[in-house]
Amino acid sequence: MKYFFLSEGWTHKRVWEFGGLWNIAVWQRKPHIQRLDLGIVEKGEILWLYEVEDAVLMVEVGPIDCHKMTQPLGQVVLRRLITAEQVLDRLRIADKLIRKESKI
């Protein structure tokens, strides 16, 4: 698995794999991208941890609702997904850890 942190209020959009954009017809499924129930707070901003499958190379992310944006940034392509070890390093130095309680 690979991981990335994403600001609260943002979501993933297009996904790339080795051959280019993720093709649901070829793969016969959507890519595995899941928000985990663990996040961090850095400089007052909440960042949620996401996991993606190894076949994913890049993920385009953007705000869920562009009309509520306070910054001019519209979308970003994450080219460097991180390893589990790098996640642990980020968790260690975060200002604060947060956990969203699972609804069972």
Protein backbone atom coordinates (compact mmCIF):
# COMPACT_ATOMS: atom_id res chain seq x y z
CA MET A 1 0.00 0.00 0.00
CA LYS A 2 0.92 3.64 -0.48
CA TYR A 3 -0.42 6.60 1.46
CA PHE A 4 -1.05 10.33 1.34
CA PHE A 5 -2.43 13.02 3.62
CA LEU A 6 -5.22 15.23 2.32
CA SER A 7 -6.74 18.40 3.77
CA GLU A 8 -10.22 18.15 5.19
CA GLY A 9 -12.68 19.42 2.59
CA TRP A 10 -10.65 18.02 -0.32
CA THR A 11 -11.22 14.79 -2.27
CA HIS A 12 -9.48 12.66 -4.87
CA LYS A 13 -10.36 12.96 -8.55
CA ARG A 14 -8.39 11.44 -11.45
CA VAL A 15 -5.94 8.61 -10.82
CA TRP A 16 -2.89 7.51 -12.82
CA GLU A 17 -1.28 4.10 -13.04
CA PHE A 18 1.76 2.93 -15.01
CA GLY A 19 -0.07 3.01 -18.37
CA GLY A 20 -1.62 6.46 -17.88
CA LEU A 21 -4.99 7.46 -16.49
CA TRP A 22 -6.74 4.69 -14.56
CA ASN A 23 -9.02 2.88 -16.99
CA ILE A 24 -11.98 1.23 -15.24
CA ALA A 25 -12.80 -0.82 -18.37
CA VAL A 26 -9.30 -2.33 -18.47
CA TRP A 27 -8.96 -2.88 -14.71
CA GLN A 28 -12.66 -3.80 -14.39
CA ARG A 29 -12.84 -1.82 -11.16
CA LYS A 30 -12.09 1.54 -9.61
CA PRO A 31 -8.70 2.00 -7.90
CA HIS A 32 -8.56 1.26 -4.19
CA ILE A 33 -8.44 4.65 -2.44
CA GLN A 34 -9.73 4.80 1.10
CA ARG A 35 -9.71 7.46 3.78
CA LEU A 36 -8.58 5.99 7.05
CA ASP A 37 -9.91 7.03 10.44
CA LEU A 38 -6.61 8.67 11.37
CA GLY A 39 -5.53 12.22 10.79
CA ILE A 40 -3.11 14.86 11.96
CA VAL A 41 -3.28 18.55 12.69
CA GLU A 42 -0.47 20.67 11.27
CA LYS A 43 -0.46 24.44 11.66
CA GLY A 44 -4.17 24.32 12.53
CA GLU A 45 -5.11 22.33 9.42
CA ILE A 46 -6.66 18.84 9.58
CA LEU A 47 -5.05 16.33 7.23
CA TRP A 48 -6.68 12.90 6.83
CA LEU A 49 -4.66 9.80 5.98
CA TYR A 50 -5.61 7.91 2.79
CA GLU A 51 -4.35 4.55 1.55
CA VAL A 52 -4.05 3.59 -2.11
CA GLU A 53 -3.05 0.39 -3.83
CA ASP A 54 0.47 -0.06 -5.16
CA ALA A 55 -0.63 0.22 -8.82
CA VAL A 56 -1.50 3.90 -8.29
CA LEU A 57 1.29 6.31 -9.32
CA MET A 58 -0.39 9.73 -8.99
CA VAL A 59 -3.64 11.13 -7.64
CA GLU A 60 -5.30 14.40 -8.59
CA VAL A 61 -6.97 16.07 -5.61
CA GLY A 62 -9.12 19.15 -5.28
CA PRO A 63 -11.66 20.82 -3.05
CA ILE A 64 -15.03 19.16 -2.60
CA ASP A 65 -16.77 22.52 -3.05
CA CYS A 66 -14.73 25.09 -5.01
CA HIS A 67 -17.16 27.88 -4.11
CA LYS A 68 -16.12 27.71 -0.44
CA MET A 69 -12.40 27.95 -1.22
CA THR A 70 -10.53 30.73 0.51
CA GLN A 71 -7.36 30.09 -1.49
CA PRO A 72 -6.99 30.29 -5.29
CA LEU A 73 -5.67 26.69 -5.55
CA GLY A 74 -8.09 24.61 -7.65
CA GLN A 75 -6.45 21.20 -7.93
CA VAL A 76 -3.18 19.44 -7.26
CA VAL A 77 -1.59 16.25 -8.59
CA LEU A 78 0.14 14.21 -5.89
CA ARG A 79 3.17 12.66 -7.53
CA ARG A 80 4.91 11.37 -4.43
CA LEU A 81 2.82 8.92 -2.49
CA ILE A 82 4.43 7.88 0.78
CA THR A 83 5.26 4.57 2.44
CA ALA A 84 3.96 3.29 5.77
CA GLU A 85 7.32 4.18 7.33
CA GLN A 86 7.00 7.78 6.12
CA VAL A 87 3.47 7.91 7.55
CA LEU A 88 4.82 6.91 10.95
CA ASP A 89 7.44 9.65 10.73
CA ARG A 90 4.73 12.25 9.98
CA LEU A 91 2.56 10.96 12.84
CA ARG A 92 5.49 11.29 15.24
CA ILE A 93 6.13 14.97 14.45
CA ALA A 94 2.51 16.10 13.99
CA ASP A 95 1.16 18.87 16.21
CA LYS A 96 -1.79 16.65 17.14
CA LEU A 97 -3.24 13.24 16.17
CA ILE A 98 -6.96 12.86 15.57
CA ARG A 99 -9.14 9.83 15.05
CA LYS A 100 -12.59 9.68 13.56
CA GLU A 101 -14.69 7.18 15.45
CA SER A 102 -15.97 4.35 13.26
CA LYS A 103 -19.72 3.84 13.09
CA ILE A 104 -20.39 0.15 13.59
